[in-house]
């Protein structure tokens, strides 16, 4: 029973199965209200499934369902989880959850601007990437972004056009009157 979303009410009438075979009892009206894909599926006269398979692990689905029904939920712990949840939003047409995730990502960029930049690169969200770059200047110590000394693992996180655009922007401002990350964010554009 430990694989249920945090909040349970009186009558969950739908079971969602994760890709790792965890079952989640939910209210169908939440799914219908948030997802046109699931609404169409659930209102189909030919549906005789007792459980709907969802292409997500139990941990991702639990977080996703909590984001759908609650506001006070922890943020995803890593960029892969952020991207996976946003992918689920697109696949099942969960516009409100997607919008909530993007709002949270903007806040997350204050704490983890590099993660936010990488996620923005995969979403091709130029404005979010620029905001994250501007916040690179607040990173200190081993969290500081030094492009010339960046480990390969770190350099492979954003998409190549965004990484190249970042390198190009940093090179352009390196010998200017304002070599700050704020200046890089002003001129940043992904390489084409």
N, C-alpha and C. Protein backbone atom coordinates (compact mmCIF):
# COMPACT_ATOMS: atom_id res chain seq x y z
N UNK A 1 0.81 -1.19 0.00
CA UNK A 1 0.00 0.00 0.00
C UNK A 1 0.86 1.26 0.00
N UNK A 2 2.18 1.12 0.14
CA UNK A 2 3.08 2.26 0.20
C UNK A 2 3.25 2.99 -1.11
N UNK A 3 2.69 2.50 -2.20
CA UNK A 3 2.90 3.15 -3.48
C UNK A 3 1.75 4.08 -3.85
N UNK A 4 0.95 4.49 -2.90
CA UNK A 4 -0.16 5.40 -3.16
C UNK A 4 0.32 6.84 -3.10
N UNK A 5 -0.33 7.75 -3.85
CA UNK A 5 -0.01 9.16 -3.68
C UNK A 5 -0.27 9.57 -2.24
N UNK A 6 0.35 10.67 -1.83
CA UNK A 6 0.30 11.07 -0.43
C UNK A 6 -1.11 11.28 0.09
N UNK A 7 -2.01 11.82 -0.71
CA UNK A 7 -3.34 12.11 -0.19
C UNK A 7 -4.34 11.13 -0.76
N UNK A 8 -5.16 10.57 0.09
CA UNK A 8 -6.22 9.66 -0.35
C UNK A 8 -7.53 10.17 0.19
N UNK A 9 -8.51 10.20 -0.67
CA UNK A 9 -9.83 10.60 -0.23
C UNK A 9 -10.72 9.36 -0.20
N UNK A 10 -12.00 9.59 -0.11
CA UNK A 10 -12.94 8.50 0.15
C UNK A 10 -13.01 7.48 -0.98
N UNK A 11 -13.15 7.90 -2.23
CA UNK A 11 -13.46 6.92 -3.27
C UNK A 11 -12.62 7.14 -4.53
N UNK A 12 -11.48 6.50 -4.60
CA UNK A 12 -10.71 6.51 -5.83
C UNK A 12 -11.32 5.46 -6.76
N UNK A 13 -11.63 5.87 -7.98
CA UNK A 13 -12.34 4.97 -8.88
C UNK A 13 -11.52 4.56 -10.09
N UNK A 14 -10.24 4.87 -10.09
CA UNK A 14 -9.39 4.55 -11.23
C UNK A 14 -8.04 4.07 -10.73
N UNK A 15 -7.51 3.07 -11.41
CA UNK A 15 -6.17 2.57 -11.09
C UNK A 15 -5.25 2.89 -12.25
N UNK A 16 -4.11 3.48 -11.94
CA UNK A 16 -3.06 3.71 -12.92
C UNK A 16 -1.90 2.78 -12.57
N UNK A 17 -1.38 2.10 -13.58
CA UNK A 17 -0.24 1.19 -13.38
C UNK A 17 1.01 1.82 -13.95
N UNK A 18 2.05 1.87 -13.13
CA UNK A 18 3.33 2.41 -13.59
C UNK A 18 4.07 1.34 -14.40
N UNK A 19 5.12 1.76 -15.06
CA UNK A 19 5.90 0.82 -15.89
C UNK A 19 6.62 -0.22 -15.05
N UNK A 20 6.80 0.04 -13.75
CA UNK A 20 7.40 -0.96 -12.86
C UNK A 20 6.33 -1.64 -11.99
N UNK A 21 5.11 -1.66 -12.52
CA UNK A 21 3.98 -2.41 -11.96
C UNK A 21 3.51 -1.95 -10.58
N UNK A 22 3.66 -0.70 -10.27
CA UNK A 22 3.06 -0.16 -9.05
C UNK A 22 1.66 0.36 -9.40
N UNK A 23 0.71 0.13 -8.53
CA UNK A 23 -0.66 0.58 -8.75
C UNK A 23 -0.94 1.84 -7.95
N UNK A 24 -1.63 2.77 -8.58
CA UNK A 24 -2.02 4.03 -7.95
C UNK A 24 -3.51 4.20 -8.11
N UNK A 25 -4.22 4.26 -7.00
CA UNK A 25 -5.66 4.52 -7.00
C UNK A 25 -5.85 6.03 -7.00
N UNK A 26 -6.62 6.52 -7.97
CA UNK A 26 -6.84 7.96 -8.11
C UNK A 26 -8.31 8.23 -8.44
N UNK A 27 -8.68 9.48 -8.32
CA UNK A 27 -10.01 9.91 -8.74
C UNK A 27 -9.97 10.15 -10.25
N UNK A 28 -10.85 9.53 -10.98
CA UNK A 28 -10.85 9.71 -12.43
C UNK A 28 -11.12 11.16 -12.82
N UNK A 29 -11.90 11.87 -12.00
CA UNK A 29 -12.20 13.26 -12.37
C UNK A 29 -10.95 14.12 -12.40
N UNK A 30 -9.93 13.81 -11.56
CA UNK A 30 -8.67 14.56 -11.63
C UNK A 30 -8.02 14.33 -12.99
N UNK A 31 -7.98 13.08 -13.41
CA UNK A 31 -7.35 12.76 -14.70
C UNK A 31 -8.13 13.39 -15.86
N UNK A 32 -9.45 13.32 -15.79
CA UNK A 32 -10.28 13.90 -16.85
C UNK A 32 -10.14 15.42 -16.89
N UNK A 33 -10.04 16.04 -15.74
CA UNK A 33 -9.95 17.50 -15.68
C UNK A 33 -8.60 18.01 -16.17
N UNK A 34 -7.55 17.24 -15.97
CA UNK A 34 -6.21 17.71 -16.29
C UNK A 34 -5.69 17.22 -17.64
N UNK A 35 -6.24 16.15 -18.18
CA UNK A 35 -5.67 15.55 -19.39
C UNK A 35 -6.74 15.24 -20.42
N UNK A 36 -6.64 15.87 -21.58
CA UNK A 36 -7.60 15.55 -22.65
C UNK A 36 -7.38 14.14 -23.16
N UNK A 37 -6.14 13.67 -23.14
CA UNK A 37 -5.85 12.31 -23.61
C UNK A 37 -6.53 11.29 -22.70
N UNK A 38 -6.35 11.43 -21.39
CA UNK A 38 -6.98 10.49 -20.46
C UNK A 38 -8.50 10.66 -20.44
N UNK A 39 -8.98 11.89 -20.59
CA UNK A 39 -10.43 12.10 -20.63
C UNK A 39 -11.03 11.35 -21.81
N UNK A 40 -10.44 11.49 -22.99
CA UNK A 40 -10.95 10.78 -24.16
C UNK A 40 -10.87 9.27 -23.96
N UNK A 41 -9.78 8.81 -23.37
CA UNK A 41 -9.60 7.38 -23.13
C UNK A 41 -10.66 6.86 -22.14
N UNK A 42 -10.87 7.60 -21.06
CA UNK A 42 -11.81 7.15 -20.02
C UNK A 42 -13.27 7.24 -20.47
N UNK A 43 -13.56 8.15 -21.39
CA UNK A 43 -14.93 8.28 -21.88
C UNK A 43 -15.20 7.41 -23.09
N UNK A 44 -14.21 6.68 -23.54
CA UNK A 44 -14.38 5.78 -24.68
C UNK A 44 -15.29 4.62 -24.28
N UNK A 45 -16.33 4.34 -25.09
CA UNK A 45 -17.25 3.26 -24.73
C UNK A 45 -16.57 1.88 -24.77
N UNK A 46 -15.49 1.75 -25.48
CA UNK A 46 -14.82 0.46 -25.59
C UNK A 46 -13.83 0.18 -24.48
N UNK A 47 -13.66 1.11 -23.55
CA UNK A 47 -12.69 0.91 -22.48
C UNK A 47 -13.21 -0.11 -21.48
N UNK A 48 -12.50 -1.21 -21.38
CA UNK A 48 -12.87 -2.20 -20.37
C UNK A 48 -11.64 -2.63 -19.58
N UNK A 49 -10.70 -1.73 -19.46
CA UNK A 49 -9.50 -1.98 -18.67
C UNK A 49 -9.81 -1.67 -17.21
N UNK A 50 -9.33 -2.50 -16.33
CA UNK A 50 -9.50 -2.20 -14.91
C UNK A 50 -8.41 -1.25 -14.43
N UNK A 51 -7.31 -1.20 -15.16
CA UNK A 51 -6.21 -0.30 -14.83
C UNK A 51 -5.62 0.26 -16.11
N UNK A 52 -5.21 1.50 -16.05
CA UNK A 52 -4.63 2.17 -17.22
C UNK A 52 -3.11 2.18 -17.06
N UNK A 53 -2.39 1.62 -18.03
CA UNK A 53 -0.92 1.66 -17.94
C UNK A 53 -0.40 3.06 -18.29
N UNK A 54 0.52 3.54 -17.49
CA UNK A 54 1.16 4.84 -17.72
C UNK A 54 2.65 4.59 -17.87
N UNK A 55 3.23 5.14 -18.92
CA UNK A 55 4.64 4.92 -19.22
C UNK A 55 5.52 5.80 -18.33
N UNK A 56 5.60 5.41 -17.05
CA UNK A 56 6.42 6.13 -16.07
C UNK A 56 6.71 5.19 -14.91
N UNK A 57 7.86 5.37 -14.28
CA UNK A 57 8.16 4.56 -13.09
C UNK A 57 7.23 4.99 -11.96
N UNK A 58 7.16 4.16 -10.94
CA UNK A 58 6.32 4.47 -9.80
C UNK A 58 6.71 5.77 -9.12
N UNK A 59 8.01 6.01 -8.97
CA UNK A 59 8.45 7.25 -8.30
C UNK A 59 8.09 8.48 -9.13
N UNK A 60 8.24 8.39 -10.45
CA UNK A 60 7.87 9.51 -11.31
C UNK A 60 6.36 9.72 -11.31
N UNK A 61 5.61 8.62 -11.38
CA UNK A 61 4.15 8.74 -11.40
C UNK A 61 3.63 9.29 -10.08
N UNK A 62 4.21 8.88 -8.97
CA UNK A 62 3.79 9.39 -7.66
C UNK A 62 4.00 10.91 -7.59
N UNK A 63 5.17 11.37 -8.00
CA UNK A 63 5.46 12.80 -7.99
C UNK A 63 4.52 13.53 -8.95
N UNK A 64 4.30 12.95 -10.11
CA UNK A 64 3.42 13.55 -11.11
C UNK A 64 2.00 13.71 -10.58
N UNK A 65 1.47 12.65 -9.97
CA UNK A 65 0.11 12.70 -9.42
C UNK A 65 0.00 13.71 -8.29
N UNK A 66 1.03 13.80 -7.47
CA UNK A 66 1.01 14.80 -6.41
C UNK A 66 1.07 16.21 -6.98
N UNK A 67 1.83 16.42 -8.04
CA UNK A 67 1.87 17.73 -8.70
C UNK A 67 0.51 18.06 -9.30
N UNK A 68 -0.20 17.04 -9.75
CA UNK A 68 -1.51 17.25 -10.37
C UNK A 68 -2.55 17.67 -9.33
N UNK A 69 -2.46 17.13 -8.14
CA UNK A 69 -3.54 17.33 -7.16
C UNK A 69 -3.17 18.22 -5.98
N UNK A 70 -1.89 18.55 -5.83
CA UNK A 70 -1.46 19.35 -4.68
C UNK A 70 -0.48 20.42 -5.14
N UNK A 71 -0.36 21.46 -4.35
CA UNK A 71 0.63 22.48 -4.67
C UNK A 71 1.89 22.30 -3.84
N UNK A 72 1.75 21.88 -2.61
CA UNK A 72 2.90 21.72 -1.71
C UNK A 72 3.55 20.36 -1.92
N UNK A 73 4.39 20.26 -2.92
CA UNK A 73 5.08 19.03 -3.27
C UNK A 73 6.55 19.39 -3.48
N UNK A 74 7.44 18.48 -3.11
CA UNK A 74 8.86 18.71 -3.36
C UNK A 74 9.13 18.77 -4.85
N UNK A 75 10.11 19.56 -5.24
CA UNK A 75 10.52 19.62 -6.64
C UNK A 75 11.24 18.34 -7.02
N UNK A 76 11.26 18.02 -8.32
CA UNK A 76 12.07 16.88 -8.76
C UNK A 76 13.51 17.06 -8.31
N UNK A 77 14.18 15.94 -8.07
CA UNK A 77 15.52 15.99 -7.47
C UNK A 77 16.64 16.17 -8.49
N UNK A 78 16.39 15.89 -9.76
CA UNK A 78 17.45 16.02 -10.76
C UNK A 78 16.85 16.41 -12.10
N UNK A 79 17.72 16.84 -13.01
CA UNK A 79 17.24 17.33 -14.31
C UNK A 79 16.56 16.23 -15.11
N UNK A 80 17.01 14.98 -14.97
CA UNK A 80 16.36 13.88 -15.68
C UNK A 80 14.91 13.70 -15.26
N UNK A 81 14.64 13.87 -13.97
CA UNK A 81 13.27 13.75 -13.47
C UNK A 81 12.42 14.92 -13.96
N UNK A 82 12.98 16.13 -13.93
CA UNK A 82 12.25 17.28 -14.48
C UNK A 82 11.84 17.01 -15.92
N UNK A 83 12.80 16.56 -16.73
CA UNK A 83 12.52 16.33 -18.14
C UNK A 83 11.52 15.21 -18.34
N UNK A 84 11.62 14.15 -17.55
CA UNK A 84 10.69 13.03 -17.66
C UNK A 84 9.27 13.47 -17.32
N UNK A 85 9.11 14.27 -16.27
CA UNK A 85 7.78 14.75 -15.90
C UNK A 85 7.20 15.67 -16.98
N UNK A 86 8.04 16.53 -17.54
CA UNK A 86 7.57 17.40 -18.62
C UNK A 86 7.20 16.59 -19.86
N UNK A 87 7.93 15.52 -20.11
CA UNK A 87 7.61 14.61 -21.21
C UNK A 87 6.24 13.95 -20.99
N UNK A 88 5.98 13.53 -19.75
CA UNK A 88 4.67 12.95 -19.42
C UNK A 88 3.56 13.98 -19.64
N UNK A 89 3.81 15.22 -19.27
CA UNK A 89 2.82 16.28 -19.49
C UNK A 89 2.48 16.40 -20.97
N UNK A 90 3.49 16.35 -21.81
CA UNK A 90 3.26 16.46 -23.25
C UNK A 90 2.56 15.22 -23.80
N UNK A 91 3.00 14.06 -23.37
CA UNK A 91 2.43 12.81 -23.88
C UNK A 91 0.95 12.67 -23.55
N UNK A 92 0.57 13.04 -22.33
CA UNK A 92 -0.81 12.87 -21.89
C UNK A 92 -1.59 14.19 -21.86
N UNK A 93 -1.00 15.24 -22.38
CA UNK A 93 -1.67 16.53 -22.53
C UNK A 93 -2.12 17.12 -21.19
N UNK A 94 -1.20 17.15 -20.24
CA UNK A 94 -1.44 17.74 -18.92
C UNK A 94 -0.92 19.17 -18.92
N UNK A 95 -1.70 20.11 -19.44
CA UNK A 95 -1.24 21.49 -19.58
C UNK A 95 -1.01 22.17 -18.23
N UNK A 96 -1.91 21.97 -17.27
CA UNK A 96 -1.77 22.64 -15.98
C UNK A 96 -0.55 22.13 -15.21
N UNK A 97 -0.31 20.84 -15.24
CA UNK A 97 0.86 20.29 -14.55
C UNK A 97 2.13 20.80 -15.21
N UNK A 98 2.12 20.89 -16.54
CA UNK A 98 3.29 21.42 -17.26
C UNK A 98 3.55 22.87 -16.83
N UNK A 99 2.50 23.65 -16.75
CA UNK A 99 2.65 25.04 -16.34
C UNK A 99 3.18 25.13 -14.90
N UNK A 100 2.68 24.28 -14.03
CA UNK A 100 3.17 24.25 -12.64
C UNK A 100 4.66 23.90 -12.59
N UNK A 101 5.04 22.90 -13.39
CA UNK A 101 6.45 22.49 -13.41
C UNK A 101 7.33 23.63 -13.92
N UNK A 102 6.88 24.33 -14.95
CA UNK A 102 7.69 25.43 -15.49
C UNK A 102 7.79 26.58 -14.49
N UNK A 103 6.72 26.84 -13.73
CA UNK A 103 6.80 27.87 -12.69
C UNK A 103 7.81 27.46 -11.62
N UNK A 104 7.76 26.21 -11.23
CA UNK A 104 8.69 25.70 -10.23
C UNK A 104 10.12 25.73 -10.76
N UNK A 105 10.29 25.47 -12.05
CA UNK A 105 11.62 25.48 -12.65
C UNK A 105 12.22 26.89 -12.60
N UNK A 106 11.40 27.89 -12.80
CA UNK A 106 11.89 29.27 -12.70
C UNK A 106 12.43 29.54 -11.28
N UNK A 107 11.70 29.08 -10.28
CA UNK A 107 12.17 29.23 -8.89
C UNK A 107 13.41 28.38 -8.64
N UNK A 108 13.43 27.18 -9.20
CA UNK A 108 14.56 26.27 -9.04
C UNK A 108 15.84 26.87 -9.62
N UNK A 109 15.69 27.74 -10.62
CA UNK A 109 16.88 28.33 -11.26
C UNK A 109 17.66 29.23 -10.30
N UNK A 110 17.04 29.70 -9.23
CA UNK A 110 17.78 30.48 -8.23
C UNK A 110 18.72 29.58 -7.44
N UNK A 111 18.25 28.38 -7.14
CA UNK A 111 19.04 27.45 -6.33
C UNK A 111 20.03 26.66 -7.19
N UNK A 112 19.61 26.27 -8.37
CA UNK A 112 20.44 25.42 -9.25
C UNK A 112 20.39 25.96 -10.68
N UNK A 113 21.06 27.08 -10.94
CA UNK A 113 20.98 27.67 -12.27
C UNK A 113 21.53 26.77 -13.38
N UNK A 114 22.56 25.97 -13.08
CA UNK A 114 23.09 25.09 -14.12
C UNK A 114 22.04 24.05 -14.51
N UNK A 115 21.40 23.42 -13.54
CA UNK A 115 20.34 22.46 -13.85
C UNK A 115 19.23 23.12 -14.66
N UNK A 116 18.83 24.32 -14.24
CA UNK A 116 17.77 25.03 -14.96
C UNK A 116 18.19 25.33 -16.40
N UNK A 117 19.45 25.72 -16.58
CA UNK A 117 19.95 25.98 -17.93
C UNK A 117 19.89 24.71 -18.78
N UNK A 118 20.32 23.59 -18.22
CA UNK A 118 20.32 22.33 -18.96
C UNK A 118 18.90 21.91 -19.33
N UNK A 119 17.98 22.02 -18.39
CA UNK A 119 16.59 21.66 -18.66
C UNK A 119 16.02 22.60 -19.72
N UNK A 120 16.29 23.89 -19.59
CA UNK A 120 15.82 24.87 -20.58
C UNK A 120 16.35 24.54 -21.97
N UNK A 121 17.58 24.05 -22.03
CA UNK A 121 18.15 23.70 -23.34
C UNK A 121 17.37 22.56 -23.99
N UNK A 122 16.97 21.59 -23.21
CA UNK A 122 16.21 20.46 -23.76
C UNK A 122 14.78 20.85 -24.12
N UNK A 123 14.26 21.86 -23.46
CA UNK A 123 12.91 22.34 -23.76
C UNK A 123 12.93 23.45 -24.81
N UNK A 124 14.13 23.91 -25.18
CA UNK A 124 14.33 25.05 -26.08
C UNK A 124 13.59 26.28 -25.55
N UNK A 125 13.79 26.55 -24.27
CA UNK A 125 13.18 27.69 -23.58
C UNK A 125 14.24 28.78 -23.41
N UNK A 126 14.35 29.64 -24.39
CA UNK A 126 15.40 30.65 -24.42
C UNK A 126 15.33 31.60 -23.22
N UNK A 127 14.14 32.08 -22.88
CA UNK A 127 14.02 33.02 -21.76
C UNK A 127 14.49 32.41 -20.45
N UNK A 128 14.10 31.17 -20.20
CA UNK A 128 14.52 30.49 -18.97
C UNK A 128 16.04 30.28 -18.97
N UNK A 129 16.60 29.91 -20.11
CA UNK A 129 18.05 29.72 -20.21
C UNK A 129 18.78 31.03 -19.89
N UNK A 130 18.29 32.14 -20.42
CA UNK A 130 18.93 33.44 -20.15
C UNK A 130 18.86 33.80 -18.67
N UNK A 131 17.72 33.53 -18.04
CA UNK A 131 17.59 33.81 -16.60
C UNK A 131 18.56 32.95 -15.80
N UNK A 132 18.70 31.69 -16.19
CA UNK A 132 19.63 30.80 -15.49
C UNK A 132 21.07 31.28 -15.66
N UNK A 133 21.44 31.67 -16.88
CA UNK A 133 22.80 32.16 -17.13
C UNK A 133 23.10 33.37 -16.26
N UNK A 134 22.15 34.26 -16.16
CA UNK A 134 22.33 35.46 -15.33
C UNK A 134 22.63 35.09 -13.88
N UNK A 135 22.07 33.99 -13.43
CA UNK A 135 22.26 33.55 -12.04
C UNK A 135 23.55 32.75 -11.83
N UNK A 136 24.26 32.42 -12.91
CA UNK A 136 25.55 31.72 -12.74
C UNK A 136 26.49 32.54 -11.87
N UNK A 137 26.39 33.85 -11.93
CA UNK A 137 27.27 34.72 -11.15
C UNK A 137 27.11 34.56 -9.65
N UNK A 138 25.98 34.01 -9.22
CA UNK A 138 25.76 33.84 -7.78
C UNK A 138 26.38 32.55 -7.25
N UNK A 139 26.88 31.71 -8.14
CA UNK A 139 27.48 30.44 -7.71
C UNK A 139 28.90 30.67 -7.23
N UNK A 140 29.24 30.06 -6.14
CA UNK A 140 30.57 30.23 -5.55
C UNK A 140 31.21 28.87 -5.29
N UNK A 141 32.52 28.88 -5.16
CA UNK A 141 33.26 27.66 -4.83
C UNK A 141 33.20 26.63 -5.94
N UNK A 142 33.01 25.37 -5.55
CA UNK A 142 33.03 24.30 -6.56
C UNK A 142 31.75 24.27 -7.39
N UNK A 143 30.77 25.13 -7.07
CA UNK A 143 29.56 25.23 -7.89
C UNK A 143 29.72 26.28 -8.99
N UNK A 144 30.80 27.06 -8.93
CA UNK A 144 31.05 28.11 -9.92
C UNK A 144 31.17 27.48 -11.31
N UNK A 145 30.63 28.15 -12.30
CA UNK A 145 30.68 27.64 -13.68
C UNK A 145 31.94 28.19 -14.34
N UNK A 146 32.89 27.31 -14.62
CA UNK A 146 34.10 27.68 -15.36
C UNK A 146 34.09 26.87 -16.64
N UNK A 147 33.75 27.52 -17.74
CA UNK A 147 33.58 26.80 -19.00
C UNK A 147 34.86 26.13 -19.47
N UNK A 148 36.00 26.75 -19.22
CA UNK A 148 37.27 26.18 -19.66
C UNK A 148 37.69 24.95 -18.88
N UNK A 149 37.12 24.75 -17.70
CA UNK A 149 37.47 23.60 -16.85
C UNK A 149 36.29 22.68 -16.60
N UNK A 150 35.29 22.78 -17.41
CA UNK A 150 34.08 22.00 -17.20
C UNK A 150 34.32 20.53 -17.50
N UNK A 151 33.97 19.64 -16.57
CA UNK A 151 34.11 18.21 -16.83
C UNK A 151 33.19 17.76 -17.97
N UNK A 152 33.60 16.74 -18.67
CA UNK A 152 32.82 16.25 -19.81
C UNK A 152 31.40 15.88 -19.40
N UNK A 153 31.25 15.26 -18.24
CA UNK A 153 29.91 14.87 -17.78
C UNK A 153 29.00 16.10 -17.67
N UNK A 154 29.54 17.17 -17.14
CA UNK A 154 28.75 18.40 -16.99
C UNK A 154 28.46 19.03 -18.35
N UNK A 155 29.46 19.03 -19.23
CA UNK A 155 29.30 19.63 -20.56
C UNK A 155 28.30 18.87 -21.42
N UNK A 156 28.08 17.60 -21.10
CA UNK A 156 27.14 16.79 -21.90
C UNK A 156 25.69 16.94 -21.44
N UNK A 157 25.45 17.70 -20.38
CA UNK A 157 24.08 17.84 -19.86
C UNK A 157 23.18 18.74 -20.72
N UNK A 158 23.62 19.92 -21.15
CA UNK A 158 22.74 20.72 -22.01
C UNK A 158 22.82 20.23 -23.45
N UNK A 159 21.92 20.71 -24.28
CA UNK A 159 22.00 20.38 -25.70
C UNK A 159 23.21 21.11 -26.29
N UNK A 160 23.75 20.57 -27.36
CA UNK A 160 24.95 21.16 -27.97
C UNK A 160 24.73 22.60 -28.44
N UNK A 161 23.62 22.94 -29.10
CA UNK A 161 23.44 24.34 -29.50
C UNK A 161 23.46 25.32 -28.32
N UNK A 162 22.89 24.92 -27.20
CA UNK A 162 22.89 25.81 -26.03
C UNK A 162 24.28 25.89 -25.40
N UNK A 163 25.00 24.78 -25.34
CA UNK A 163 26.35 24.81 -24.80
C UNK A 163 27.26 25.67 -25.68
N UNK A 164 27.17 25.49 -26.99
CA UNK A 164 27.99 26.29 -27.90
C UNK A 164 27.62 27.77 -27.83
N UNK A 165 26.33 28.06 -27.72
CA UNK A 165 25.88 29.45 -27.56
C UNK A 165 26.43 30.06 -26.29
N UNK A 166 26.48 29.27 -25.22
CA UNK A 166 27.03 29.74 -23.95
C UNK A 166 28.53 30.03 -24.08
N UNK A 167 29.26 29.11 -24.70
CA UNK A 167 30.70 29.32 -24.92
C UNK A 167 30.95 30.57 -25.77
N UNK A 168 30.16 30.71 -26.83
CA UNK A 168 30.32 31.86 -27.72
C UNK A 168 30.02 33.17 -26.97
N UNK A 169 28.94 33.19 -26.21
CA UNK A 169 28.59 34.39 -25.45
C UNK A 169 29.66 34.75 -24.44
N UNK A 170 30.19 33.75 -23.75
CA UNK A 170 31.24 34.01 -22.75
C UNK A 170 32.50 34.55 -23.43
N UNK A 171 32.84 33.99 -24.59
CA UNK A 171 34.01 34.49 -25.34
C UNK A 171 33.81 35.93 -25.80
N UNK A 172 32.59 36.28 -26.22
CA UNK A 172 32.33 37.64 -26.70
C UNK A 172 32.48 38.68 -25.59
N UNK A 173 32.09 38.33 -24.37
CA UNK A 173 32.16 39.33 -23.29
C UNK A 173 33.45 39.24 -22.48
N UNK A 174 34.29 38.24 -22.76
CA UNK A 174 35.49 38.01 -21.95
C UNK A 174 36.40 39.24 -21.86
N UNK A 175 36.53 39.98 -22.93
CA UNK A 175 37.44 41.13 -22.94
C UNK A 175 36.68 42.45 -23.03
N UNK A 176 35.42 42.42 -22.65
CA UNK A 176 34.61 43.64 -22.70
C UNK A 176 34.68 44.37 -21.35
N UNK A 177 33.99 45.49 -21.28
CA UNK A 177 33.92 46.25 -20.03
C UNK A 177 33.12 45.51 -18.96
N UNK A 178 32.26 44.60 -19.39
CA UNK A 178 31.42 43.86 -18.45
C UNK A 178 31.47 42.37 -18.78
N UNK A 179 32.47 41.65 -18.24
CA UNK A 179 32.59 40.22 -18.54
C UNK A 179 31.73 39.33 -17.63
N UNK A 180 30.63 39.86 -17.12
CA UNK A 180 29.80 39.12 -16.16
C UNK A 180 28.86 38.14 -16.85
N UNK A 181 28.30 37.23 -16.04
CA UNK A 181 27.29 36.31 -16.56
C UNK A 181 26.03 37.06 -16.98
N UNK A 182 25.74 38.18 -16.32
CA UNK A 182 24.58 38.99 -16.72
C UNK A 182 24.77 39.49 -18.15
N UNK A 183 26.00 39.88 -18.50
CA UNK A 183 26.29 40.33 -19.86
C UNK A 183 26.15 39.17 -20.85
N UNK A 184 26.59 37.98 -20.45
CA UNK A 184 26.44 36.80 -21.31
C UNK A 184 24.96 36.52 -21.54
N UNK A 185 24.16 36.62 -20.48
CA UNK A 185 22.73 36.32 -20.63
C UNK A 185 22.05 37.29 -21.58
N UNK A 186 22.52 38.53 -21.62
CA UNK A 186 21.93 39.53 -22.52
C UNK A 186 22.13 39.17 -23.99
N UNK A 187 23.28 38.59 -24.32
CA UNK A 187 23.58 38.30 -25.74
C UNK A 187 23.42 36.83 -26.09
N UNK A 188 23.09 36.00 -25.11
CA UNK A 188 23.02 34.56 -25.35
C UNK A 188 21.98 34.21 -26.40
N UNK A 189 22.40 33.32 -27.28
CA UNK A 189 21.48 32.71 -28.24
C UNK A 189 22.07 31.35 -28.61
N UNK A 190 21.25 30.31 -28.68
CA UNK A 190 21.78 28.98 -29.03
C UNK A 190 22.42 28.99 -30.42
N UNK A 191 23.47 28.23 -30.58
CA UNK A 191 24.14 28.12 -31.88
C UNK A 191 23.22 27.40 -32.86
N UNK A 192 23.32 27.78 -34.11
CA UNK A 192 22.50 27.12 -35.14
C UNK A 192 23.37 26.42 -36.14
